[in-house]
Amino acid sequence: MSVRVRIPTPLRTLTAGAAEVNVGGASLAECIAQLEAQYPGMEQRLKDENGELRRFVNLYVNGEDVRFLQGLDTSLKTGDEVSIVPAVAGG
C-alpha cells in the first residue's frame, strides 16, 4: 500500500527538499511511523510527547481534516493523499 504525503516547506529539510513522498501504512499512525523510519525527526514534529497530533499541525486525508475523522486511527488506502499543513497565526 502506498499513500502520497505532501510535505510543507518547513519540513522539507527532513526530506532532502522533496515536496511529496510516498509511504505505506493502513492508518495515519502507521503512515507517520513510516515517515519517521524514512525521514528521522518527522514524527517529533507532528506528534507531541503524549503521542497526540500537535495543535499547530493540521493533517488532511484527501482534503478532510483528520480531527473530524478518526485522528491518528484514520484508515488509509492505496492512492490516498495525506497533506501536512502547519497552522498559520497572525494578527
PDB file of N, CA and C in Angstrom:
ATOM      1  N   MET A   1       0.845  -1.175   0.000  1.00  0.00           N
ATOM      2  CA  MET A   1       0.000   0.000   0.000  1.00  0.00           C
ATOM      3  C   MET A   1       0.887   1.233   0.000  1.00  0.00           C
ATOM      4  N   SER A   2       0.524   2.212  -0.795  1.00  0.00           N
ATOM      5  CA  SER A   2       1.312   3.426  -0.873  1.00  0.00           C
ATOM      6  C   SER A   2       0.388   4.634  -0.885  1.00  0.00           C
ATOM      7  N   VAL A   3       0.707   5.590  -0.012  1.00  0.00           N
ATOM      8  CA  VAL A   3      -0.023   6.850   0.004  1.00  0.00           C
ATOM      9  C   VAL A   3       0.967   7.975  -0.271  1.00  0.00           C
ATOM     10  N   ARG A   4       0.468   9.034  -0.841  1.00  0.00           N
ATOM     11  CA  ARG A   4       1.303  10.200  -1.145  1.00  0.00           C
ATOM     12  C   ARG A   4       1.154  11.194  -0.003  1.00  0.00           C
ATOM     13  N   VAL A   5       2.283  11.689   0.487  1.00  0.00           N
ATOM     14  CA  VAL A   5       2.284  12.663   1.575  1.00  0.00           C
ATOM     15  C   VAL A   5       2.871  13.964   1.049  1.00  0.00           C
ATOM     16  N   ARG A   6       2.112  15.021   1.170  1.00  0.00           N
ATOM     17  CA  ARG A   6       2.567  16.352   0.748  1.00  0.00           C
ATOM     18  C   ARG A   6       3.270  16.999   1.939  1.00  0.00           C
ATOM     19  N   ILE A   7       4.502  17.415   1.714  1.00  0.00           N
ATOM     20  CA  ILE A   7       5.354  17.948   2.770  1.00  0.00           C
ATOM     21  C   ILE A   7       5.422  19.469   2.666  1.00  0.00           C
ATOM     22  N   PRO A   8       5.120  20.192   3.759  1.00  0.00           N
ATOM     23  CA  PRO A   8       5.207  21.650   3.704  1.00  0.00           C
ATOM     24  C   PRO A   8       6.665  22.114   3.701  1.00  0.00           C
ATOM     25  N   THR A   9       6.890  23.291   3.221  1.00  0.00           N
ATOM     26  CA  THR A   9       8.244  23.839   3.100  1.00  0.00           C
ATOM     27  C   THR A   9       9.063  23.732   4.387  1.00  0.00           C
ATOM     28  N   PRO A  10       8.513  24.062   5.574  1.00  0.00           N
ATOM     29  CA  PRO A  10       9.346  23.991   6.780  1.00  0.00           C
ATOM     30  C   PRO A  10       9.863  22.585   7.108  1.00  0.00           C
ATOM     31  N   LEU A  11       9.213  21.542   6.624  1.00  0.00           N
ATOM     32  CA  LEU A  11       9.635  20.173   6.928  1.00  0.00           C
ATOM     33  C   LEU A  11      10.463  19.532   5.815  1.00  0.00           C
ATOM     34  N   ARG A  12      10.645  20.243   4.736  1.00  0.00           N
ATOM     35  CA  ARG A  12      11.374  19.666   3.601  1.00  0.00           C
ATOM     36  C   ARG A  12      12.865  19.472   3.876  1.00  0.00           C
ATOM     37  N   THR A  13      13.377  20.085   4.919  1.00  0.00           N
ATOM     38  CA  THR A  13      14.773  19.818   5.287  1.00  0.00           C
ATOM     39  C   THR A  13      14.936  18.360   5.697  1.00  0.00           C
ATOM     40  N   LEU A  14      13.871  17.748   6.189  1.00  0.00           N
ATOM     41  CA  LEU A  14      13.913  16.338   6.592  1.00  0.00           C
ATOM     42  C   LEU A  14      13.812  15.395   5.399  1.00  0.00           C
ATOM     43  N   THR A  15      13.230  15.869   4.304  1.00  0.00           N
ATOM     44  CA  THR A  15      13.013  15.017   3.129  1.00  0.00           C
ATOM     45  C   THR A  15      13.944  15.375   1.974  1.00  0.00           C
ATOM     46  N   ALA A  16      15.063  16.006   2.285  1.00  0.00           N
ATOM     47  CA  ALA A  16      16.040  16.424   1.270  1.00  0.00           C
ATOM     48  C   ALA A  16      15.387  17.302   0.196  1.00  0.00           C
ATOM     49  N   GLY A  17      14.427  18.119   0.631  1.00  0.00           N
ATOM     50  CA  GLY A  17      13.790  19.059  -0.276  1.00  0.00           C
ATOM     51  C   GLY A  17      12.567  18.536  -1.003  1.00  0.00           C
ATOM     52  N   ALA A  18      12.227  17.258  -0.838  1.00  0.00           N
ATOM     53  CA  ALA A  18      11.078  16.684  -1.545  1.00  0.00           C
ATOM     54  C   ALA A  18       9.768  17.282  -1.040  1.00  0.00           C
ATOM     55  N   ALA A  19       8.927  17.721  -1.969  1.00  0.00           N
ATOM     56  CA  ALA A  19       7.623  18.276  -1.633  1.00  0.00           C
ATOM     57  C   ALA A  19       6.574  17.187  -1.440  1.00  0.00           C
ATOM     58  N   GLU A  20       6.817  16.012  -2.021  1.00  0.00           N
ATOM     59  CA  GLU A  20       5.917  14.861  -1.881  1.00  0.00           C
ATOM     60  C   GLU A  20       6.749  13.611  -1.710  1.00  0.00           C
ATOM     61  N   VAL A  21       6.288  12.718  -0.847  1.00  0.00           N
ATOM     62  CA  VAL A  21       6.940  11.427  -0.658  1.00  0.00           C
ATOM     63  C   VAL A  21       5.855  10.354  -0.631  1.00  0.00           C
ATOM     64  N   ASN A  22       6.239   9.130  -0.915  1.00  0.00           N
ATOM     65  CA  ASN A  22       5.310   8.002  -0.854  1.00  0.00           C
ATOM     66  C   ASN A  22       5.729   7.089   0.279  1.00  0.00           C
ATOM     67  N   VAL A  23       4.754   6.729   1.111  1.00  0.00           N
ATOM     68  CA  VAL A  23       4.997   5.810   2.220  1.00  0.00           C
ATOM     69  C   VAL A  23       3.831   4.840   2.312  1.00  0.00           C
ATOM     70  N   GLY A  24       4.000   3.801   3.116  1.00  0.00           N
ATOM     71  CA  GLY A  24       2.939   2.834   3.342  1.00  0.00           C
ATOM     72  C   GLY A  24       2.217   3.137   4.633  1.00  0.00           C
ATOM     73  N   GLY A  25       1.240   2.299   4.926  1.00  0.00           N
ATOM     74  CA  GLY A  25       0.502   2.420   6.179  1.00  0.00           C
ATOM     75  C   GLY A  25      -0.979   2.281   5.958  1.00  0.00           C
ATOM     76  N   ALA A  26      -1.608   1.454   6.793  1.00  0.00           N
ATOM     77  CA  ALA A  26      -3.048   1.252   6.697  1.00  0.00           C
ATOM     78  C   ALA A  26      -3.819   2.299   7.498  1.00  0.00           C
ATOM     79  N   SER A  27      -3.107   3.056   8.335  1.00  0.00           N
ATOM     80  CA  SER A  27      -3.721   4.123   9.120  1.00  0.00           C
ATOM     81  C   SER A  27      -2.781   5.324   9.123  1.00  0.00           C
ATOM     82  N   LEU A  28      -3.291   6.442   9.571  1.00  0.00           N
ATOM     83  CA  LEU A  28      -2.461   7.633   9.646  1.00  0.00           C
ATOM     84  C   LEU A  28      -1.304   7.416  10.617  1.00  0.00           C
ATOM     85  N   ALA A  29      -1.551   6.734  11.719  1.00  0.00           N
ATOM     86  CA  ALA A  29      -0.484   6.450  12.685  1.00  0.00           C
ATOM     87  C   ALA A  29       0.627   5.632  12.037  1.00  0.00           C
ATOM     88  N   GLU A  30       0.272   4.621  11.238  1.00  0.00           N
ATOM     89  CA  GLU A  30       1.274   3.812  10.547  1.00  0.00           C
ATOM     90  C   GLU A  30       2.014   4.646   9.496  1.00  0.00           C
ATOM     91  N   CYS A  31       1.302   5.525   8.840  1.00  0.00           N
ATOM     92  CA  CYS A  31       1.917   6.416   7.850  1.00  0.00           C
ATOM     93  C   CYS A  31       2.970   7.293   8.519  1.00  0.00           C
ATOM     94  N   ILE A  32       2.656   7.854   9.668  1.00  0.00           N
ATOM     95  CA  ILE A  32       3.604   8.697  10.389  1.00  0.00           C
ATOM     96  C   ILE A  32       4.807   7.878  10.839  1.00  0.00           C
ATOM     97  N   ALA A  33       4.573   6.635  11.266  1.00  0.00           N
ATOM     98  CA  ALA A  33       5.682   5.754  11.659  1.00  0.00           C
ATOM     99  C   ALA A  33       6.599   5.484  10.466  1.00  0.00           C
ATOM    100  N   GLN A  34       6.026   5.299   9.288  1.00  0.00           N
ATOM    101  CA  GLN A  34       6.819   5.087   8.083  1.00  0.00           C
ATOM    102  C   GLN A  34       7.591   6.355   7.702  1.00  0.00           C
ATOM    103  N   LEU A  35       6.938   7.504   7.859  1.00  0.00           N
ATOM    104  CA  LEU A  35       7.633   8.768   7.613  1.00  0.00           C
ATOM    105  C   LEU A  35       8.848   8.885   8.533  1.00  0.00           C
ATOM    106  N   GLU A  36       8.657   8.547   9.797  1.00  0.00           N
ATOM    107  CA  GLU A  36       9.746   8.622  10.767  1.00  0.00           C
ATOM    108  C   GLU A  36      10.878   7.666  10.400  1.00  0.00           C
ATOM    109  N   ALA A  37      10.526   6.470   9.941  1.00  0.00           N
ATOM    110  CA  ALA A  37      11.544   5.483   9.567  1.00  0.00           C
ATOM    111  C   ALA A  37      12.381   5.976   8.380  1.00  0.00           C
ATOM    112  N   GLN A  38      11.725   6.624   7.433  1.00  0.00           N
ATOM    113  CA  GLN A  38      12.420   7.102   6.243  1.00  0.00           C
ATOM    114  C   GLN A  38      13.041   8.481   6.431  1.00  0.00           C
ATOM    115  N   TYR A  39      12.417   9.295   7.261  1.00  0.00           N
ATOM    116  CA  TYR A  39      12.848  10.680   7.457  1.00  0.00           C
ATOM    117  C   TYR A  39      12.873  10.982   8.952  1.00  0.00           C
ATOM    118  N   PRO A  40      13.930  10.558   9.643  1.00  0.00           N
ATOM    119  CA  PRO A  40      14.007  10.743  11.101  1.00  0.00           C
ATOM    120  C   PRO A  40      13.770  12.197  11.519  1.00  0.00           C
ATOM    121  N   GLY A  41      12.980  12.356  12.575  1.00  0.00           N
ATOM    122  CA  GLY A  41      12.633  13.674  13.090  1.00  0.00           C
ATOM    123  C   GLY A  41      11.235  14.118  12.698  1.00  0.00           C
ATOM    124  N   MET A  42      10.645  13.443  11.724  1.00  0.00           N
ATOM    125  CA  MET A  42       9.313  13.833  11.238  1.00  0.00           C
ATOM    126  C   MET A  42       8.248  13.634  12.327  1.00  0.00           C
ATOM    127  N   GLU A  43       8.277  12.480  12.983  1.00  0.00           N
ATOM    128  CA  GLU A  43       7.250  12.173  13.979  1.00  0.00           C
ATOM    129  C   GLU A  43       7.261  13.189  15.123  1.00  0.00           C
ATOM    130  N   GLN A  44       8.432  13.583  15.552  1.00  0.00           N
ATOM    131  CA  GLN A  44       8.566  14.554  16.638  1.00  0.00           C
ATOM    132  C   GLN A  44       7.917  15.881  16.266  1.00  0.00           C
ATOM    133  N   ARG A  45       7.938  16.224  15.009  1.00  0.00           N
ATOM    134  CA  ARG A  45       7.351  17.489  14.577  1.00  0.00           C
ATOM    135  C   ARG A  45       5.845  17.400  14.389  1.00  0.00           C
ATOM    136  N   LEU A  46       5.326  16.182  14.258  1.00  0.00           N
ATOM    137  CA  LEU A  46       3.892  16.015  14.042  1.00  0.00           C
ATOM    138  C   LEU A  46       3.126  15.650  15.315  1.00  0.00           C
ATOM    139  N   LYS A  47       3.808  14.950  16.240  1.00  0.00           N
ATOM    140  CA  LYS A  47       3.145  14.480  17.452  1.00  0.00           C
ATOM    141  C   LYS A  47       3.824  15.045  18.695  1.00  0.00           C
ATOM    142  N   ASP A  48       3.020  15.247  19.746  1.00  0.00           N
ATOM    143  CA  ASP A  48       3.571  15.768  20.994  1.00  0.00           C
ATOM    144  C   ASP A  48       4.103  14.632  21.870  1.00  0.00           C
ATOM    145  N   GLU A  49       4.538  14.973  23.073  1.00  0.00           N
ATOM    146  CA  GLU A  49       5.130  13.984  23.972  1.00  0.00           C
ATOM    147  C   GLU A  49       4.137  12.921  24.444  1.00  0.00           C
ATOM    148  N   ASN A  50       2.840  13.171  24.265  1.00  0.00           N
ATOM    149  CA  ASN A  50       1.805  12.196  24.621  1.00  0.00           C
ATOM    150  C   ASN A  50       1.387  11.341  23.430  1.00  0.00           C
ATOM    151  N   GLY A  51       2.023  11.560  22.291  1.00  0.00           N
ATOM    152  CA  GLY A  51       1.696  10.792  21.098  1.00  0.00           C
ATOM    153  C   GLY A  51       0.486  11.303  20.336  1.00  0.00           C
ATOM    154  N   GLU A  52       0.008  12.483  20.710  1.00  0.00           N
ATOM    155  CA  GLU A  52      -1.137  13.089  20.025  1.00  0.00           C
ATOM    156  C   GLU A  52      -0.635  14.083  18.984  1.00  0.00           C
ATOM    157  N   LEU A  53      -1.489  14.369  18.005  1.00  0.00           N
ATOM    158  CA  LEU A  53      -1.121  15.370  16.996  1.00  0.00           C
ATOM    159  C   LEU A  53      -0.893  16.722  17.655  1.00  0.00           C
ATOM    160  N   ARG A  54       0.150  17.391  17.231  1.00  0.00           N
ATOM    161  CA  ARG A  54       0.411  18.729  17.760  1.00  0.00           C
ATOM    162  C   ARG A  54      -0.707  19.684  17.333  1.00  0.00           C
ATOM    163  N   ARG A  55      -1.012  20.626  18.201  1.00  0.00           N
ATOM    164  CA  ARG A  55      -2.103  21.563  17.920  1.00  0.00           C
ATOM    165  C   ARG A  55      -1.825  22.453  16.726  1.00  0.00           C
ATOM    166  N   PHE A  56      -0.565  22.748  16.466  1.00  0.00           N
ATOM    167  CA  PHE A  56      -0.232  23.690  15.397  1.00  0.00           C
ATOM    168  C   PHE A  56       0.040  23.003  14.060  1.00  0.00           C
ATOM    169  N   VAL A  57      -0.221  21.703  13.987  1.00  0.00           N
ATOM    170  CA  VAL A  57      -0.058  20.966  12.730  1.00  0.00           C
ATOM    171  C   VAL A  57      -1.414  20.373  12.357  1.00  0.00           C
ATOM    172  N   ASN A  58      -1.845  20.638  11.129  1.00  0.00           N
ATOM    173  CA  ASN A  58      -3.099  20.086  10.635  1.00  0.00           C
ATOM    174  C   ASN A  58      -2.778  19.009   9.610  1.00  0.00           C
ATOM    175  N   LEU A  59      -3.447  17.870   9.721  1.00  0.00           N
ATOM    176  CA  LEU A  59      -3.279  16.787   8.766  1.00  0.00           C
ATOM    177  C   LEU A  59      -4.606  16.540   8.072  1.00  0.00           C
ATOM    178  N   TYR A  60      -4.520  16.354   6.766  1.00  0.00           N
ATOM    179  CA  TYR A  60      -5.702  16.103   5.953  1.00  0.00           C
ATOM    180  C   TYR A  60      -5.501  14.826   5.157  1.00  0.00           C
ATOM    181  N   VAL A  61      -6.549  14.035   5.048  1.00  0.00           N
ATOM    182  CA  VAL A  61      -6.545  12.856   4.187  1.00  0.00           C
ATOM    183  C   VAL A  61      -7.567  13.124   3.099  1.00  0.00           C
ATOM    184  N   ASN A  62      -7.079  13.212   1.875  1.00  0.00           N
ATOM    185  CA  ASN A  62      -7.943  13.521   0.731  1.00  0.00           C
ATOM    186  C   ASN A  62      -8.778  14.774   0.974  1.00  0.00           C
ATOM    187  N   GLY A  63      -8.143  15.789   1.584  1.00  0.00           N
ATOM    188  CA  GLY A  63      -8.808  17.064   1.813  1.00  0.00           C
ATOM    189  C   GLY A  63      -9.660  17.143   3.061  1.00  0.00           C
ATOM    190  N   GLU A  64      -9.777  16.048   3.819  1.00  0.00           N
ATOM    191  CA  GLU A  64     -10.598  16.026   5.035  1.00  0.00           C
ATOM    192  C   GLU A  64      -9.701  16.135   6.259  1.00  0.00           C
ATOM    193  N   ASP A  65     -10.014  17.067   7.154  1.00  0.00           N
ATOM    194  CA  ASP A  65      -9.252  17.248   8.389  1.00  0.00           C
ATOM    195  C   ASP A  65      -9.399  15.998   9.261  1.00  0.00           C
ATOM    196  N   VAL A  66      -8.277  15.383   9.631  1.00  0.00           N
ATOM    197  CA  VAL A  66      -8.336  14.131  10.401  1.00  0.00           C
ATOM    198  C   VAL A  66      -8.920  14.332  11.786  1.00  0.00           C
ATOM    199  N   ARG A  67      -8.936  15.562  12.286  1.00  0.00           N
ATOM    200  CA  ARG A  67      -9.548  15.815  13.595  1.00  0.00           C
ATOM    201  C   ARG A  67     -11.054  15.552  13.543  1.00  0.00           C
ATOM    202  N   PHE A  68     -11.641  15.620  12.348  1.00  0.00           N
ATOM    203  CA  PHE A  68     -13.061  15.351  12.185  1.00  0.00           C
ATOM    204  C   PHE A  68     -13.305  13.949  11.642  1.00  0.00           C
ATOM    205  N   LEU A  69     -12.236  13.202  11.439  1.00  0.00           N
ATOM    206  CA  LEU A  69     -12.334  11.795  11.042  1.00  0.00           C
ATOM    207  C   LEU A  69     -12.002  10.976  12.288  1.00  0.00           C
ATOM    208  N   GLN A  70     -11.037  10.081  12.190  1.00  0.00           N
ATOM    209  CA  GLN A  70     -10.666   9.268  13.351  1.00  0.00           C
ATOM    210  C   GLN A  70      -9.271   9.617  13.868  1.00  0.00           C
ATOM    211  N   GLY A  71      -8.808  10.828  13.610  1.00  0.00           N
ATOM    212  CA  GLY A  71      -7.492  11.233  14.094  1.00  0.00           C
ATOM    213  C   GLY A  71      -6.409  10.316  13.570  1.00  0.00           C
ATOM    214  N   LEU A  72      -5.518   9.887  14.454  1.00  0.00           N
ATOM    215  CA  LEU A  72      -4.416   9.012  14.056  1.00  0.00           C
ATOM    216  C   LEU A  72      -4.892   7.642  13.610  1.00  0.00           C
ATOM    217  N   ASP A  73      -6.115   7.266  13.975  1.00  0.00           N
ATOM    218  CA  ASP A  73      -6.675   5.972  13.571  1.00  0.00           C
ATOM    219  C   ASP A  73      -7.364   6.022  12.216  1.00  0.00           C
ATOM    220  N   THR A  74      -7.333   7.170  11.555  1.00  0.00           N
ATOM    221  CA  THR A  74      -7.957   7.305  10.240  1.00  0.00           C
ATOM    222  C   THR A  74      -7.359   6.281   9.275  1.00  0.00           C
ATOM    223  N   SER A  75      -8.206   5.506   8.639  1.00  0.00           N
ATOM    224  CA  SER A  75      -7.760   4.471   7.697  1.00  0.00           C
ATOM    225  C   SER A  75      -7.257   5.106   6.401  1.00  0.00           C
ATOM    226  N   LEU A  76      -6.251   4.459   5.828  1.00  0.00           N
ATOM    227  CA  LEU A  76      -5.703   4.883   4.546  1.00  0.00           C
ATOM    228  C   LEU A  76      -5.755   3.725   3.570  1.00  0.00           C
ATOM    229  N   LYS A  77      -5.848   4.061   2.292  1.00  0.00           N
ATOM    230  CA  LYS A  77      -5.797   3.038   1.244  1.00  0.00           C
ATOM    231  C   LYS A  77      -4.876   3.535   0.136  1.00  0.00           C
ATOM    232  N   THR A  78      -4.452   2.625  -0.693  1.00  0.00           N
ATOM    233  CA  THR A  78      -3.561   2.966  -1.794  1.00  0.00           C
ATOM    234  C   THR A  78      -4.142   4.124  -2.604  1.00  0.00           C
ATOM    235  N   GLY A  79      -3.298   5.104  -2.878  1.00  0.00           N
ATOM    236  CA  GLY A  79      -3.716   6.248  -3.673  1.00  0.00           C
ATOM    237  C   GLY A  79      -4.196   7.434  -2.860  1.00  0.00           C
ATOM    238  N   ASP A  80      -4.385   7.259  -1.553  1.00  0.00           N
ATOM    239  CA  ASP A  80      -4.808   8.384  -0.726  1.00  0.00           C
ATOM    240  C   ASP A  80      -3.712   9.440  -0.677  1.00  0.00           C
ATOM    241  N   GLU A  81      -4.119  10.674  -0.385  1.00  0.00           N
ATOM    242  CA  GLU A  81      -3.179  11.768  -0.246  1.00  0.00           C
ATOM    243  C   GLU A  81      -3.286  12.335   1.162  1.00  0.00           C
ATOM    244  N   VAL A  82      -2.147  12.397   1.845  1.00  0.00           N
ATOM    245  CA  VAL A  82      -2.067  12.993   3.174  1.00  0.00           C
ATOM    246  C   VAL A  82      -1.346  14.331   3.016  1.00  0.00           C
ATOM    247  N   SER A  83      -1.954  15.388   3.513  1.00  0.00           N
ATOM    248  CA  SER A  83      -1.343  16.710   3.455  1.00  0.00           C
ATOM    249  C   SER A  83      -1.018  17.168   4.872  1.00  0.00           C
ATOM    250  N   ILE A  84       0.211  17.611   5.050  1.00  0.00           N
ATOM    251  CA  ILE A  84       0.653  18.185   6.318  1.00  0.00           C
ATOM    252  C   ILE A  84       0.616  19.698   6.130  1.00  0.00           C
ATOM    253  N   VAL A  85      -0.168  20.380   6.964  1.00  0.00           N
ATOM    254  CA  VAL A  85      -0.325  21.825   6.817  1.00  0.00           C
ATOM    255  C   VAL A  85      -0.062  22.493   8.163  1.00  0.00           C
ATOM    256  N   PRO A  86       1.044  23.233   8.271  1.00  0.00           N
ATOM    257  CA  PRO A  86       1.292  23.953   9.532  1.00  0.00           C
ATOM    258  C   PRO A  86       0.232  25.021   9.744  1.00  0.00           C
ATOM    259  N   ALA A  87      -0.191  25.182  10.990  1.00  0.00           N
ATOM    260  CA  ALA A  87      -1.160  26.226  11.309  1.00  0.00           C
ATOM    261  C   ALA A  87      -0.520  27.590  11.096  1.00  0.00           C
ATOM    262  N   VAL A  88      -1.318  28.530  10.662  1.00  0.00           N
ATOM    263  CA  VAL A  88      -0.839  29.876  10.412  1.00  0.00           C
ATOM    264  C   VAL A  88      -1.498  30.803  11.425  1.00  0.00           C
ATOM    265  N   ALA A  89      -0.687  31.610  12.075  1.00  0.00           N
ATOM    266  CA  ALA A  89      -1.211  32.576  13.035  1.00  0.00           C
ATOM    267  C   ALA A  89      -0.819  33.968  12.560  1.00  0.00           C
ATOM    268  N   GLY A  90      -1.616  34.881  12.916  1.00  0.00           N
ATOM    269  CA  GLY A  90      -1.308  36.253  12.530  1.00  0.00           C
ATOM    270  C   GLY A  90      -2.054  37.233  13.397  1.00  0.00           C
ATOM    271  N   GLY A  91      -1.792  38.441  13.179  1.00  0.00           N
ATOM    272  CA  GLY A  91      -2.510  39.422  13.989  1.00  0.00           C
ATOM    273  C   GLY A  91      -2.158  40.810  13.580  1.00  0.00           C
TER     274      GLY A  91
END
